Amino acid sequence: MTLLSLPCSFARRVGAAFALTLLTASALSAQLIGTEPSQSPFRDLPTTQQLTFSTGWLNAAKDAARVGPDAGPLLALRHDIHLGGPAWLTTRYQTLISERRVIDPGLPAVDRFQGKQSVTHHIADIGITVALTGKKTWRGIVPTLGGGLGMTSDFASRDIGGYLFGTKFAFSFGPGVRIVLPRGYSMRVDLTNNMFQFQYPSTYLIAASDSTRVLEDANQRSSWRSNWGLTAGLSIPLFR
């Protein structure tokens, strides 16, 4: 599957979500007009750049052949810089520390499983994060919605069964919340859907001596999976 073959409905849903976010941010900004500054729940954001260190958990989706990474701890580093209005440019690097099943498709089903191996999955992307409260906080809280495009890889070699994850495109999107602390520091929590593709060797479709095969349908050789991750971390202000 290529980028051009992603479902149109998915692209429409993402576009609609961002459009709704922009409208909400505009509406919230409009509410500020005529409010006494001392009584307003809105305050200007204290920083225009932040570096965030986060940790959490990635609930990795089960792929068709069950050879993808298991759910595991997630480490994340992100940099946000204010572009203007509610928009922030976000660059992010995530690492999933996990393990995965290794199978030999040429063996009968009872002998196919060859154990598990450790795997470190890397995801790097760049995108836009939209603050629903525009350039301000609401009682110190900033709800956000973001999305990005990047690459993912486990940098592993082809296994005994011929499977290789390789390096692939990755898409990310999801909501978050930023809680502003004194002196420009923040806490933030993000729920992110990391989408990437699984592709399998042709041997997964060849029947073994017991007439079983890893995949029963050729359409399963390539598929996208959603992998939801939840992270929480501390943001440090830069260049105040």
C-alpha atoms as a PDB file:
ATOM      1  CA  MET A   1       0.000   0.000   0.000  1.00  0.00           C
ATOM      2  CA  THR A   2       1.284   3.430  -0.891  1.00  0.00           C
ATOM      3  CA  LEU A   3       0.511   6.878   0.488  1.00  0.00           C
ATOM      4  CA  LEU A   4      -1.865   7.480  -2.393  1.00  0.00           C
ATOM      5  CA  SER A   5      -3.864   4.372  -1.543  1.00  0.00           C
ATOM      6  CA  LEU A   6      -4.833   5.478   1.976  1.00  0.00           C
ATOM      7  CA  PRO A   7      -8.623   5.520   2.346  1.00  0.00           C
ATOM      8  CA  CYS A   8     -10.182   8.833   1.328  1.00  0.00           C
ATOM      9  CA  SER A   9     -12.547   8.591   4.303  1.00  0.00           C
ATOM     10  CA  PHE A  10      -9.556   8.662   6.673  1.00  0.00           C
ATOM     11  CA  ALA A  11      -8.199  11.819   5.033  1.00  0.00           C
ATOM     12  CA  ARG A  12     -11.635  13.443   5.213  1.00  0.00           C
ATOM     13  CA  ARG A  13     -11.977  12.641   8.927  1.00  0.00           C
ATOM     14  CA  VAL A  14      -8.570  14.105   9.736  1.00  0.00           C
ATOM     15  CA  GLY A  15      -9.325  17.221   7.686  1.00  0.00           C
ATOM     16  CA  ALA A  16     -12.677  17.669   9.394  1.00  0.00           C
ATOM     17  CA  ALA A  17     -11.080  17.320  12.831  1.00  0.00           C
ATOM     18  CA  PHE A  18      -8.540  20.036  12.087  1.00  0.00           C
ATOM     19  CA  ALA A  19     -11.208  22.309  10.647  1.00  0.00           C
ATOM     20  CA  LEU A  20     -13.309  21.874  13.791  1.00  0.00           C
ATOM     21  CA  THR A  21     -10.263  22.628  15.923  1.00  0.00           C
ATOM     22  CA  LEU A  22      -9.577  25.895  14.096  1.00  0.00           C
ATOM     23  CA  LEU A  23     -13.210  26.979  14.410  1.00  0.00           C
ATOM     24  CA  THR A  24     -13.213  26.191  18.123  1.00  0.00           C
ATOM     25  CA  ALA A  25     -10.011  28.157  18.656  1.00  0.00           C
ATOM     26  CA  SER A  26     -11.491  31.143  16.823  1.00  0.00           C
ATOM     27  CA  ALA A  27     -14.668  30.974  18.912  1.00  0.00           C
ATOM     28  CA  LEU A  28     -12.732  30.881  22.166  1.00  0.00           C
ATOM     29  CA  SER A  29     -10.619  33.838  21.083  1.00  0.00           C
ATOM     30  CA  ALA A  30     -13.760  35.800  20.272  1.00  0.00           C
ATOM     31  CA  GLN A  31     -15.034  35.290  23.827  1.00  0.00           C
ATOM     32  CA  LEU A  32     -12.098  37.296  25.142  1.00  0.00           C
ATOM     33  CA  ILE A  33     -13.402  40.542  23.659  1.00  0.00           C
ATOM     34  CA  GLY A  34     -14.987  42.773  26.293  1.00  0.00           C
ATOM     35  CA  THR A  35     -13.713  40.769  29.272  1.00  0.00           C
ATOM     36  CA  GLU A  36     -11.816  42.566  32.035  1.00  0.00           C
ATOM     37  CA  PRO A  37      -8.214  41.231  31.968  1.00  0.00           C
ATOM     38  CA  SER A  38      -8.109  40.804  35.750  1.00  0.00           C
ATOM     39  CA  GLN A  39     -11.283  38.662  35.710  1.00  0.00           C
ATOM     40  CA  SER A  40     -10.643  36.674  32.567  1.00  0.00           C
ATOM     41  CA  PRO A  41      -9.854  32.953  32.932  1.00  0.00           C
ATOM     42  CA  PHE A  42      -7.578  33.361  29.894  1.00  0.00           C
ATOM     43  CA  ARG A  43      -3.890  34.222  30.185  1.00  0.00           C
ATOM     44  CA  ASP A  44      -1.202  34.672  27.553  1.00  0.00           C
ATOM     45  CA  LEU A  45       1.054  31.677  27.006  1.00  0.00           C
ATOM     46  CA  PRO A  46       4.385  32.418  28.684  1.00  0.00           C
ATOM     47  CA  THR A  47       6.647  30.739  26.106  1.00  0.00           C
ATOM     48  CA  THR A  48       6.933  30.295  22.341  1.00  0.00           C
ATOM     49  CA  GLN A  49       9.243  27.246  22.372  1.00  0.00           C
ATOM     50  CA  GLN A  50       9.259  24.130  24.508  1.00  0.00           C
ATOM     51  CA  LEU A  51      11.206  20.898  24.815  1.00  0.00           C
ATOM     52  CA  THR A  52       9.218  18.012  26.324  1.00  0.00           C
ATOM     53  CA  PHE A  53      10.478  14.777  27.852  1.00  0.00           C
ATOM     54  CA  SER A  54       7.736  12.163  28.167  1.00  0.00           C
ATOM     55  CA  THR A  55       7.224   8.541  29.063  1.00  0.00           C
ATOM     56  CA  GLY A  56       4.215   6.301  28.676  1.00  0.00           C
ATOM     57  CA  TRP A  57       2.830   3.180  27.049  1.00  0.00           C
ATOM     58  CA  LEU A  58       2.198   2.177  23.430  1.00  0.00           C
ATOM     59  CA  ASN A  59      -0.676  -0.263  22.930  1.00  0.00           C
ATOM     60  CA  ALA A  60       0.729  -1.770  19.736  1.00  0.00           C
ATOM     61  CA  ALA A  61      -1.954  -3.285  17.516  1.00  0.00           C
ATOM     62  CA  LYS A  62      -1.868  -6.969  16.613  1.00  0.00           C
ATOM     63  CA  ASP A  63      -0.937  -7.409  12.960  1.00  0.00           C
ATOM     64  CA  ALA A  64      -2.255 -10.180  10.706  1.00  0.00           C
ATOM     65  CA  ALA A  65       0.778 -12.469  11.147  1.00  0.00           C
ATOM     66  CA  ARG A  66       1.351 -11.607  14.832  1.00  0.00           C
ATOM     67  CA  VAL A  67       5.028 -10.734  14.228  1.00  0.00           C
ATOM     68  CA  GLY A  68       4.836  -7.021  15.031  1.00  0.00           C
ATOM     69  CA  PRO A  69       6.034  -5.446  18.287  1.00  0.00           C
ATOM     70  CA  ASP A  70       4.126  -6.124  21.488  1.00  0.00           C
ATOM     71  CA  ALA A  71       2.744  -3.336  23.650  1.00  0.00           C
ATOM     72  CA  GLY A  72       5.430  -1.762  25.783  1.00  0.00           C
ATOM     73  CA  PRO A  73       6.946   1.318  27.428  1.00  0.00           C
ATOM     74  CA  LEU A  74       7.296   4.398  25.271  1.00  0.00           C
ATOM     75  CA  LEU A  75       9.858   7.199  25.571  1.00  0.00           C
ATOM     76  CA  ALA A  76       9.293  10.469  23.712  1.00  0.00           C
ATOM     77  CA  LEU A  77      11.125  13.714  23.055  1.00  0.00           C
ATOM     78  CA  ARG A  78       9.317  16.587  21.326  1.00  0.00           C
ATOM     79  CA  HIS A  79      10.026  20.181  20.390  1.00  0.00           C
ATOM     80  CA  ASP A  80       7.252  22.733  19.877  1.00  0.00           C
ATOM     81  CA  ILE A  81       7.675  26.198  18.399  1.00  0.00           C
ATOM     82  CA  HIS A  82       4.846  28.707  18.017  1.00  0.00           C
ATOM     83  CA  LEU A  83       4.085  29.547  14.380  1.00  0.00           C
ATOM     84  CA  GLY A  84       1.263  32.023  14.956  1.00  0.00           C
ATOM     85  CA  GLY A  85      -2.331  32.005  16.178  1.00  0.00           C
ATOM     86  CA  PRO A  86      -3.221  28.552  17.540  1.00  0.00           C
ATOM     87  CA  ALA A  87      -0.617  26.678  15.453  1.00  0.00           C
ATOM     88  CA  TRP A  88       2.619  25.131  16.723  1.00  0.00           C
ATOM     89  CA  LEU A  89       5.242  23.276  14.700  1.00  0.00           C
ATOM     90  CA  THR A  90       5.938  19.955  16.421  1.00  0.00           C
ATOM     91  CA  THR A  91       8.868  17.614  15.839  1.00  0.00           C
ATOM     92  CA  ARG A  92       8.893  14.388  17.801  1.00  0.00           C
ATOM     93  CA  TYR A  93      10.964  11.261  18.333  1.00  0.00           C
ATOM     94  CA  GLN A  94       9.495   8.195  20.056  1.00  0.00           C
ATOM     95  CA  THR A  95      11.053   4.890  21.069  1.00  0.00           C
ATOM     96  CA  LEU A  96       9.092   1.729  21.856  1.00  0.00           C
ATOM     97  CA  ILE A  97      11.025  -0.831  23.933  1.00  0.00           C
ATOM     98  CA  SER A  98       9.412  -4.177  23.254  1.00  0.00           C
ATOM     99  CA  GLU A  99       9.725  -7.656  21.824  1.00  0.00           C
ATOM    100  CA  ARG A 100       8.162  -9.556  18.936  1.00  0.00           C
ATOM    101  CA  ARG A 101       7.332 -13.110  17.884  1.00  0.00           C
ATOM    102  CA  VAL A 102       9.585 -14.889  15.387  1.00  0.00           C
ATOM    103  CA  ILE A 103       8.031 -17.577  13.184  1.00  0.00           C
ATOM    104  CA  ASP A 104       9.265 -19.940  10.471  1.00  0.00           C
ATOM    105  CA  PRO A 105       6.489 -20.171   7.840  1.00  0.00           C
ATOM    106  CA  GLY A 106       7.992 -23.335   6.338  1.00  0.00           C
ATOM    107  CA  LEU A 107       7.277 -25.394   9.452  1.00  0.00           C
ATOM    108  CA  PRO A 108       3.955 -26.943  10.542  1.00  0.00           C
ATOM    109  CA  ALA A 109       1.777 -24.782  12.754  1.00  0.00           C
ATOM    110  CA  VAL A 110       2.761 -26.603  15.975  1.00  0.00           C
ATOM    111  CA  ASP A 111       6.477 -25.930  15.351  1.00  0.00           C
ATOM    112  CA  ARG A 112       6.234 -22.535  13.630  1.00  0.00           C
ATOM    113  CA  PHE A 113       6.836 -20.330  16.663  1.00  0.00           C
ATOM    114  CA  GLN A 114      10.577 -19.779  17.181  1.00  0.00           C
ATOM    115  CA  GLY A 115      10.475 -17.647  20.319  1.00  0.00           C
ATOM    116  CA  LYS A 116      10.619 -13.920  20.906  1.00  0.00           C
ATOM    117  CA  GLN A 117      13.317 -11.359  20.244  1.00  0.00           C
ATOM    118  CA  SER A 118      13.859  -7.925  21.728  1.00  0.00           C
ATOM    119  CA  VAL A 119      13.057  -5.006  19.469  1.00  0.00           C
ATOM    120  CA  THR A 120      13.389  -1.249  19.734  1.00  0.00           C
ATOM    121  CA  HIS A 121      10.926   0.535  17.503  1.00  0.00           C
ATOM    122  CA  HIS A 122      11.673   4.134  16.455  1.00  0.00           C
ATOM    123  CA  ILE A 123       9.140   6.723  15.248  1.00  0.00           C
ATOM    124  CA  ALA A 124      10.119  10.232  14.131  1.00  0.00           C
ATOM    125  CA  ASP A 125       7.650  12.745  12.721  1.00  0.00           C
ATOM    126  CA  ILE A 126       6.937  16.410  12.137  1.00  0.00           C
ATOM    127  CA  GLY A 127       3.542  18.081  12.089  1.00  0.00           C
ATOM    128  CA  ILE A 128       1.209  20.757  13.414  1.00  0.00           C
ATOM    129  CA  THR A 129      -0.290  20.991  16.886  1.00  0.00           C
ATOM    130  CA  VAL A 130      -3.299  23.285  17.257  1.00  0.00           C
ATOM    131  CA  ALA A 131      -4.095  24.860  20.640  1.00  0.00           C
ATOM    132  CA  LEU A 132      -7.868  25.050  21.139  1.00  0.00           C
ATOM    133  CA  THR A 133      -7.456  28.179  23.269  1.00  0.00           C
ATOM    134  CA  GLY A 134      -5.352  29.960  20.658  1.00  0.00           C
ATOM    135  CA  LYS A 135      -2.397  31.903  22.065  1.00  0.00           C
ATOM    136  CA  LYS A 136      -3.769  31.765  25.607  1.00  0.00           C
ATOM    137  CA  THR A 137      -4.424  29.322  28.415  1.00  0.00           C
ATOM    138  CA  TRP A 138      -7.791  28.733  30.048  1.00  0.00           C
ATOM    139  CA  ARG A 139      -7.184  28.596  33.818  1.00  0.00           C
ATOM    140  CA  GLY A 140      -3.706  27.319  33.021  1.00  0.00           C
ATOM    141  CA  ILE A 141      -4.982  24.585  30.697  1.00  0.00           C
ATOM    142  CA  VAL A 142      -4.398  24.295  26.940  1.00  0.00           C
ATOM    143  CA  PRO A 143      -6.242  21.456  25.122  1.00  0.00           C
ATOM    144  CA  THR A 144      -4.604  20.534  21.815  1.00  0.00           C
ATOM    145  CA  LEU A 145      -5.070  18.477  18.678  1.00  0.00           C
ATOM    146  CA  GLY A 146      -2.122  17.467  16.520  1.00  0.00           C
ATOM    147  CA  GLY A 147      -1.105  15.449  13.508  1.00  0.00           C
ATOM    148  CA  GLY A 148       2.088  14.675  11.660  1.00  0.00           C
ATOM    149  CA  LEU A 149       3.951  12.675   9.034  1.00  0.00           C
ATOM    150  CA  GLY A 150       7.225  10.827   9.545  1.00  0.00           C
ATOM    151  CA  MET A 151       9.164   7.576   9.338  1.00  0.00           C
ATOM    152  CA  THR A 152       9.379   4.468  11.486  1.00  0.00           C
ATOM    153  CA  SER A 153      11.834   1.567  11.705  1.00  0.00           C
ATOM    154  CA  ASP A 154      13.115  -1.090  14.069  1.00  0.00           C
ATOM    155  CA  PHE A 155      16.502  -1.232  12.264  1.00  0.00           C
ATOM    156  CA  ALA A 156      16.435  -5.030  12.589  1.00  0.00           C
ATOM    157  CA  SER A 157      17.698  -7.623  10.126  1.00  0.00           C
ATOM    158  CA  ARG A 158      15.513 -10.096   8.261  1.00  0.00           C
ATOM    159  CA  ASP A 159      14.555 -12.915  10.614  1.00  0.00           C
ATOM    160  CA  ILE A 160      14.680 -16.691  10.093  1.00  0.00           C
ATOM    161  CA  GLY A 161      11.237 -16.644   8.509  1.00  0.00           C
ATOM    162  CA  GLY A 162      12.099 -13.929   5.984  1.00  0.00           C
ATOM    163  CA  TYR A 163      10.228 -11.121   7.755  1.00  0.00           C
ATOM    164  CA  LEU A 164      11.710  -7.621   7.747  1.00  0.00           C
ATOM    165  CA  PHE A 165       9.834  -4.592   9.026  1.00  0.00           C
ATOM    166  CA  GLY A 166      12.171  -2.161   7.277  1.00  0.00           C
ATOM    167  CA  THR A 167      11.679   1.598   7.217  1.00  0.00           C
ATOM    168  CA  LYS A 168       8.231   2.954   6.418  1.00  0.00           C
ATOM    169  CA  PHE A 169       6.096   6.063   6.439  1.00  0.00           C
ATOM    170  CA  ALA A 170       4.188   6.763   9.645  1.00  0.00           C
ATOM    171  CA  PHE A 171       1.226   9.020  10.399  1.00  0.00           C
ATOM    172  CA  SER A 172       0.291  10.386  13.799  1.00  0.00           C
ATOM    173  CA  PHE A 173      -2.685  12.275  15.184  1.00  0.00           C
ATOM    174  CA  GLY A 174      -4.492  12.726  18.456  1.00  0.00           C
ATOM    175  CA  PRO A 175      -5.526  15.029  21.307  1.00  0.00           C
ATOM    176  CA  GLY A 176      -3.512  16.315  24.221  1.00  0.00           C
ATOM    177  CA  VAL A 177      -3.590  18.724  27.121  1.00  0.00           C
ATOM    178  CA  ARG A 178      -0.932  21.089  28.419  1.00  0.00           C
ATOM    179  CA  ILE A 179      -0.998  22.367  32.011  1.00  0.00           C
ATOM    180  CA  VAL A 180       1.039  25.541  32.458  1.00  0.00           C
ATOM    181  CA  LEU A 181       3.168  25.725  35.601  1.00  0.00           C
ATOM    182  CA  PRO A 182       5.088  28.656  37.130  1.00  0.00           C
ATOM    183  CA  ARG A 183       8.121  30.101  35.306  1.00  0.00           C
ATOM    184  CA  GLY A 184       6.989  28.798  31.916  1.00  0.00           C
ATOM    185  CA  TYR A 185       7.261  25.094  32.684  1.00  0.00           C
ATOM    186  CA  SER A 186       4.397  22.778  31.725  1.00  0.00           C
ATOM    187  CA  MET A 187       3.064  19.299  32.213  1.00  0.00           C
ATOM    188  CA  ARG A 188       1.499  17.680  29.183  1.00  0.00           C
ATOM    189  CA  VAL A 189      -0.419  14.494  28.461  1.00  0.00           C
ATOM    190  CA  ASP A 190      -0.885  13.214  24.900  1.00  0.00           C
ATOM    191  CA  LEU A 191      -2.950  10.421  23.381  1.00  0.00           C
ATOM    192  CA  THR A 192      -1.448   9.672  19.969  1.00  0.00           C
ATOM    193  CA  ASN A 193      -2.400   7.234  17.246  1.00  0.00           C
ATOM    194  CA  ASN A 194       0.750   6.116  15.418  1.00  0.00           C
ATOM    195  CA  MET A 195      -0.241   4.500  12.124  1.00  0.00           C
ATOM    196  CA  PHE A 196       2.205   2.407  10.106  1.00  0.00           C
ATOM    197  CA  GLN A 197       2.168  -0.444   7.627  1.00  0.00           C
ATOM    198  CA  PHE A 198       3.029  -4.121   7.909  1.00  0.00           C
ATOM    199  CA  GLN A 199       4.231  -6.068   4.869  1.00  0.00           C
ATOM    200  CA  TYR A 200       5.042  -9.780   4.781  1.00  0.00           C
ATOM    201  CA  PRO A 201       7.169 -12.040   2.533  1.00  0.00           C
ATOM    202  CA  SER A 202       5.483 -14.296  -0.027  1.00  0.00           C
ATOM    203  CA  THR A 203       6.507 -17.359   2.033  1.00  0.00           C
ATOM    204  CA  TYR A 204       3.765 -16.439   4.511  1.00  0.00           C
ATOM    205  CA  LEU A 205       1.250 -17.544   1.856  1.00  0.00           C
ATOM    206  CA  ILE A 206       2.890 -20.888   1.045  1.00  0.00           C
ATOM    207  CA  ALA A 207       1.405 -23.968   2.714  1.00  0.00           C
ATOM    208  CA  ALA A 208       3.667 -25.983   5.012  1.00  0.00           C
ATOM    209  CA  SER A 209       3.704 -29.788   5.237  1.00  0.00           C
ATOM    210  CA  ASP A 210       0.544 -29.750   7.392  1.00  0.00           C
ATOM    211  CA  SER A 211      -1.289 -27.673   4.725  1.00  0.00           C
ATOM    212  CA  THR A 212      -1.407 -24.604   6.997  1.00  0.00           C
ATOM    213  CA  ARG A 213       0.021 -21.196   6.168  1.00  0.00           C
ATOM    214  CA  VAL A 214       0.664 -18.005   8.101  1.00  0.00           C
ATOM    215  CA  LEU A 215      -1.696 -15.924   5.958  1.00  0.00           C
ATOM    216  CA  GLU A 216      -4.777 -17.327   4.277  1.00  0.00           C
ATOM    217  CA  ASP A 217      -5.500 -14.322   2.063  1.00  0.00           C
ATOM    218  CA  ALA A 218      -3.074 -12.516  -0.274  1.00  0.00           C
ATOM    219  CA  ASN A 219      -4.758  -9.230   0.686  1.00  0.00           C
ATOM    220  CA  GLN A 220      -3.257  -9.647   4.154  1.00  0.00           C
ATOM    221  CA  ARG A 221       0.297  -9.245   2.875  1.00  0.00           C
ATOM    222  CA  SER A 222       0.050  -5.494   3.357  1.00  0.00           C
ATOM    223  CA  SER A 223      -2.027  -3.664   5.955  1.00  0.00           C
ATOM    224  CA  TRP A 224      -2.035  -0.524   8.106  1.00  0.00           C
ATOM    225  CA  ARG A 225      -2.466  -0.659  11.864  1.00  0.00           C
ATOM    226  CA  SER A 226      -3.325   1.968  14.477  1.00  0.00           C
ATOM    227  CA  ASN A 227      -1.075   1.971  17.524  1.00  0.00           C
ATOM    228  CA  TRP A 228      -2.344   4.194  20.329  1.00  0.00           C
ATOM    229  CA  GLY A 229       0.156   5.619  22.769  1.00  0.00           C
ATOM    230  CA  LEU A 230      -0.411   7.546  26.006  1.00  0.00           C
ATOM    231  CA  THR A 231       2.430   9.724  27.313  1.00  0.00           C
ATOM    232  CA  ALA A 232       2.909  12.227  30.132  1.00  0.00           C
ATOM    233  CA  GLY A 233       5.873  14.505  30.577  1.00  0.00           C
ATOM    234  CA  LEU A 234       7.519  17.757  31.579  1.00  0.00           C
ATOM    235  CA  SER A 235       7.990  20.674  29.172  1.00  0.00           C
ATOM    236  CA  ILE A 236      10.955  23.009  29.591  1.00  0.00           C
ATOM    237  CA  PRO A 237      10.748  26.550  28.150  1.00  0.00           C
ATOM    238  CA  LEU A 238      13.392  27.540  25.594  1.00  0.00           C
ATOM    239  CA  PHE A 239      14.672  31.030  24.716  1.00  0.00           C
ATOM    240  CA  ARG A 240      12.292  32.898  27.006  1.00  0.00           C
END
